[in-house]
Amino acid sequence: MTTEQRLSSAELAGVHWRISSRSGSNGGQCVEAGPLADGTGRVVVRHSHHPDGSLIVYTRAEWVAFLAGAKNGEFDFTEQGAA
């Protein structure tokens, strides 16, 4: 698990944030993610409606594992009967 990390505004200035194309344009609750430009491979995640709020920072290995799980359907909770 990643411990709390403080990022400066300079570190965040180089992040190219991306929002899922599936989030639509209806103002839904969206998360944004983007790699830090510091060469570490870390990925930052934030709430798009609160860009100055809390961030979650993942190591490259954590992010790769998350993406693999998502692509493998491990987070398809609606398929398992959860709403």
N, C-alpha and C. Protein backbone atom coordinates (compact mmCIF):
# COMPACT_ATOMS: atom_id res chain seq x y z
N MET A 1 0.84 -1.18 0.00
CA MET A 1 0.00 0.00 0.00
C MET A 1 0.88 1.23 0.00
N THR A 2 0.48 2.22 -0.75
CA THR A 2 1.24 3.46 -0.83
C THR A 2 0.98 4.32 0.39
N THR A 3 2.03 4.88 0.95
CA THR A 3 1.87 5.77 2.10
C THR A 3 1.55 7.18 1.62
N GLU A 4 1.14 8.03 2.56
CA GLU A 4 0.80 9.40 2.21
C GLU A 4 2.01 10.11 1.62
N GLN A 5 1.78 10.79 0.52
CA GLN A 5 2.84 11.53 -0.15
C GLN A 5 2.34 12.93 -0.44
N ARG A 6 3.19 13.89 -0.24
CA ARG A 6 2.86 15.28 -0.56
C ARG A 6 3.50 15.61 -1.90
N LEU A 7 2.72 16.19 -2.78
CA LEU A 7 3.24 16.60 -4.08
C LEU A 7 3.13 18.10 -4.20
N SER A 8 4.16 18.70 -4.74
CA SER A 8 4.15 20.15 -4.92
C SER A 8 3.33 20.52 -6.15
N SER A 9 2.94 21.78 -6.22
CA SER A 9 2.20 22.24 -7.39
C SER A 9 3.06 22.12 -8.65
N ALA A 10 4.38 22.25 -8.50
CA ALA A 10 5.28 22.09 -9.64
C ALA A 10 5.25 20.65 -10.16
N GLU A 11 5.20 19.67 -9.24
CA GLU A 11 5.13 18.26 -9.66
C GLU A 11 3.82 17.97 -10.38
N LEU A 12 2.73 18.57 -9.91
CA LEU A 12 1.43 18.33 -10.51
C LEU A 12 1.24 19.09 -11.82
N ALA A 13 2.01 20.15 -12.01
CA ALA A 13 1.86 20.96 -13.23
C ALA A 13 2.19 20.15 -14.48
N GLY A 14 3.05 19.16 -14.38
CA GLY A 14 3.44 18.37 -15.53
C GLY A 14 2.54 17.17 -15.81
N VAL A 15 1.50 16.97 -15.00
CA VAL A 15 0.61 15.83 -15.19
C VAL A 15 -0.37 16.11 -16.32
N HIS A 16 -0.48 15.17 -17.24
CA HIS A 16 -1.48 15.26 -18.32
C HIS A 16 -2.65 14.37 -17.90
N TRP A 17 -3.67 15.00 -17.32
CA TRP A 17 -4.81 14.27 -16.76
C TRP A 17 -5.68 13.68 -17.87
N ARG A 18 -6.19 12.48 -17.59
CA ARG A 18 -7.10 11.82 -18.53
C ARG A 18 -8.34 11.37 -17.77
N ILE A 19 -9.49 11.49 -18.44
CA ILE A 19 -10.76 11.02 -17.91
C ILE A 19 -11.26 9.94 -18.87
N SER A 20 -11.87 8.91 -18.35
CA SER A 20 -12.39 7.85 -19.19
C SER A 20 -13.39 8.38 -20.21
N SER A 21 -13.30 7.89 -21.42
CA SER A 21 -14.27 8.28 -22.45
C SER A 21 -15.66 7.76 -22.10
N ARG A 22 -15.76 6.81 -21.21
CA ARG A 22 -17.05 6.26 -20.80
C ARG A 22 -17.74 7.10 -19.74
N SER A 23 -17.06 8.11 -19.23
CA SER A 23 -17.68 8.94 -18.20
C SER A 23 -18.72 9.89 -18.78
N GLY A 24 -18.70 10.10 -20.07
CA GLY A 24 -19.70 10.93 -20.73
C GLY A 24 -19.51 12.40 -20.45
N SER A 25 -20.43 13.19 -20.94
CA SER A 25 -20.33 14.64 -20.79
C SER A 25 -21.47 15.19 -19.96
N ASN A 26 -22.11 14.35 -19.15
CA ASN A 26 -23.26 14.79 -18.37
C ASN A 26 -22.89 15.26 -16.97
N GLY A 27 -21.63 15.54 -16.72
CA GLY A 27 -21.22 16.05 -15.41
C GLY A 27 -21.21 15.00 -14.33
N GLY A 28 -21.06 13.74 -14.70
CA GLY A 28 -21.05 12.66 -13.72
C GLY A 28 -19.85 12.73 -12.79
N GLN A 29 -19.85 11.85 -11.83
CA GLN A 29 -18.74 11.77 -10.88
C GLN A 29 -17.58 11.04 -11.56
N CYS A 30 -16.53 11.76 -11.83
CA CYS A 30 -15.43 11.21 -12.61
C CYS A 30 -14.11 11.28 -11.85
N VAL A 31 -13.26 10.35 -12.16
CA VAL A 31 -11.89 10.43 -11.66
C VAL A 31 -10.98 10.71 -12.84
N GLU A 32 -9.88 11.36 -12.55
CA GLU A 32 -8.85 11.64 -13.55
C GLU A 32 -7.58 10.95 -13.10
N ALA A 33 -6.79 10.52 -14.04
CA ALA A 33 -5.51 9.90 -13.73
C ALA A 33 -4.47 10.41 -14.71
N GLY A 34 -3.24 10.45 -14.24
CA GLY A 34 -2.15 10.87 -15.11
C GLY A 34 -0.81 10.54 -14.50
N PRO A 35 0.18 10.28 -15.34
CA PRO A 35 1.52 9.96 -14.82
C PRO A 35 2.25 11.23 -14.39
N LEU A 36 2.99 11.12 -13.30
CA LEU A 36 3.86 12.22 -12.90
C LEU A 36 5.00 12.31 -13.91
N ALA A 37 5.47 13.50 -14.15
CA ALA A 37 6.52 13.72 -15.15
C ALA A 37 7.91 13.65 -14.54
N ASP A 38 8.04 12.95 -13.40
CA ASP A 38 9.33 12.90 -12.71
C ASP A 38 10.16 11.67 -13.06
N GLY A 39 9.65 10.85 -13.99
CA GLY A 39 10.41 9.68 -14.42
C GLY A 39 10.29 8.46 -13.52
N THR A 40 9.49 8.54 -12.46
CA THR A 40 9.36 7.42 -11.53
C THR A 40 8.32 6.40 -11.98
N GLY A 41 7.45 6.81 -12.90
CA GLY A 41 6.37 5.94 -13.32
C GLY A 41 5.15 6.00 -12.42
N ARG A 42 5.19 6.85 -11.38
CA ARG A 42 4.04 6.97 -10.48
C ARG A 42 2.86 7.60 -11.22
N VAL A 43 1.66 7.19 -10.82
CA VAL A 43 0.42 7.68 -11.42
C VAL A 43 -0.41 8.32 -10.32
N VAL A 44 -0.98 9.49 -10.63
CA VAL A 44 -1.78 10.23 -9.67
C VAL A 44 -3.24 10.14 -10.09
N VAL A 45 -4.13 9.96 -9.11
CA VAL A 45 -5.57 9.89 -9.36
C VAL A 45 -6.25 10.94 -8.49
N ARG A 46 -7.25 11.64 -9.07
CA ARG A 46 -7.99 12.65 -8.32
C ARG A 46 -9.44 12.69 -8.81
N HIS A 47 -10.29 13.35 -8.05
CA HIS A 47 -11.69 13.56 -8.43
C HIS A 47 -11.74 14.77 -9.36
N SER A 48 -12.34 14.61 -10.52
CA SER A 48 -12.33 15.69 -11.52
C SER A 48 -13.10 16.93 -11.07
N HIS A 49 -14.07 16.76 -10.19
CA HIS A 49 -14.84 17.91 -9.72
C HIS A 49 -14.14 18.64 -8.58
N HIS A 50 -13.11 18.04 -8.03
CA HIS A 50 -12.34 18.63 -6.92
C HIS A 50 -10.85 18.52 -7.22
N PRO A 51 -10.37 19.18 -8.27
CA PRO A 51 -8.98 19.02 -8.69
C PRO A 51 -7.95 19.47 -7.65
N ASP A 52 -8.35 20.30 -6.71
CA ASP A 52 -7.42 20.72 -5.66
C ASP A 52 -7.57 19.89 -4.39
N GLY A 53 -8.39 18.87 -4.45
CA GLY A 53 -8.64 18.01 -3.29
C GLY A 53 -7.58 16.93 -3.14
N SER A 54 -7.95 15.89 -2.45
CA SER A 54 -7.03 14.79 -2.16
C SER A 54 -6.62 14.06 -3.43
N LEU A 55 -5.42 13.52 -3.38
CA LEU A 55 -4.86 12.73 -4.47
C LEU A 55 -4.50 11.35 -3.96
N ILE A 56 -4.50 10.40 -4.84
CA ILE A 56 -3.96 9.08 -4.54
C ILE A 56 -2.81 8.86 -5.50
N VAL A 57 -1.66 8.48 -4.96
CA VAL A 57 -0.46 8.26 -5.77
C VAL A 57 -0.15 6.77 -5.78
N TYR A 58 -0.05 6.21 -6.97
CA TYR A 58 0.27 4.79 -7.13
C TYR A 58 1.65 4.64 -7.73
N THR A 59 2.36 3.60 -7.31
CA THR A 59 3.62 3.27 -7.96
C THR A 59 3.28 2.70 -9.34
N ARG A 60 4.27 2.61 -10.18
CA ARG A 60 4.06 2.04 -11.51
C ARG A 60 3.53 0.60 -11.40
N ALA A 61 4.11 -0.19 -10.49
CA ALA A 61 3.69 -1.58 -10.33
C ALA A 61 2.24 -1.67 -9.85
N GLU A 62 1.86 -0.80 -8.92
CA GLU A 62 0.47 -0.79 -8.44
C GLU A 62 -0.50 -0.45 -9.56
N TRP A 63 -0.14 0.54 -10.37
CA TRP A 63 -1.02 0.97 -11.46
C TRP A 63 -1.15 -0.13 -12.51
N VAL A 64 -0.05 -0.77 -12.85
CA VAL A 64 -0.08 -1.87 -13.83
C VAL A 64 -0.96 -3.00 -13.32
N ALA A 65 -0.85 -3.33 -12.02
CA ALA A 65 -1.68 -4.38 -11.44
C ALA A 65 -3.16 -4.00 -11.46
N PHE A 66 -3.47 -2.74 -11.15
CA PHE A 66 -4.86 -2.28 -11.20
C PHE A 66 -5.42 -2.39 -12.61
N LEU A 67 -4.68 -1.90 -13.60
CA LEU A 67 -5.16 -1.97 -14.99
C LEU A 67 -5.38 -3.41 -15.44
N ALA A 68 -4.47 -4.29 -15.07
CA ALA A 68 -4.62 -5.70 -15.44
C ALA A 68 -5.89 -6.27 -14.82
N GLY A 69 -6.14 -5.95 -13.56
CA GLY A 69 -7.35 -6.43 -12.90
C GLY A 69 -8.61 -5.87 -13.54
N ALA A 70 -8.58 -4.58 -13.89
CA ALA A 70 -9.74 -3.96 -14.53
C ALA A 70 -10.02 -4.60 -15.89
N LYS A 71 -8.97 -4.83 -16.65
CA LYS A 71 -9.14 -5.44 -17.97
C LYS A 71 -9.60 -6.89 -17.87
N ASN A 72 -9.28 -7.53 -16.74
CA ASN A 72 -9.65 -8.92 -16.52
C ASN A 72 -11.05 -9.05 -15.91
N GLY A 73 -11.71 -7.92 -15.65
CA GLY A 73 -13.06 -7.96 -15.11
C GLY A 73 -13.14 -8.07 -13.60
N GLU A 74 -12.03 -7.91 -12.90
CA GLU A 74 -12.03 -8.06 -11.45
C GLU A 74 -12.84 -6.99 -10.72
N PHE A 75 -13.19 -5.91 -11.40
CA PHE A 75 -13.95 -4.82 -10.78
C PHE A 75 -15.33 -4.67 -11.40
N ASP A 76 -15.80 -5.70 -12.08
CA ASP A 76 -17.13 -5.68 -12.68
C ASP A 76 -18.16 -6.07 -11.62
N PHE A 77 -18.35 -5.20 -10.64
CA PHE A 77 -19.24 -5.51 -9.52
C PHE A 77 -20.69 -5.69 -9.98
N THR A 78 -21.12 -4.98 -11.00
CA THR A 78 -22.49 -5.12 -11.47
C THR A 78 -22.73 -6.50 -12.08
N GLU A 79 -21.69 -7.10 -12.59
CA GLU A 79 -21.80 -8.46 -13.13
C GLU A 79 -21.98 -9.48 -12.02
N GLN A 80 -21.58 -9.12 -10.80
CA GLN A 80 -21.67 -10.03 -9.66
C GLN A 80 -22.91 -9.76 -8.82
N GLY A 81 -23.80 -8.91 -9.31
CA GLY A 81 -25.04 -8.66 -8.60
C GLY A 81 -25.03 -7.44 -7.71
N ALA A 82 -23.91 -6.75 -7.59
CA ALA A 82 -23.87 -5.54 -6.77
C ALA A 82 -24.33 -4.36 -7.61
N ALA A 83 -24.97 -3.42 -6.99
CA ALA A 83 -25.43 -2.23 -7.72
C ALA A 83 -24.45 -1.11 -7.61
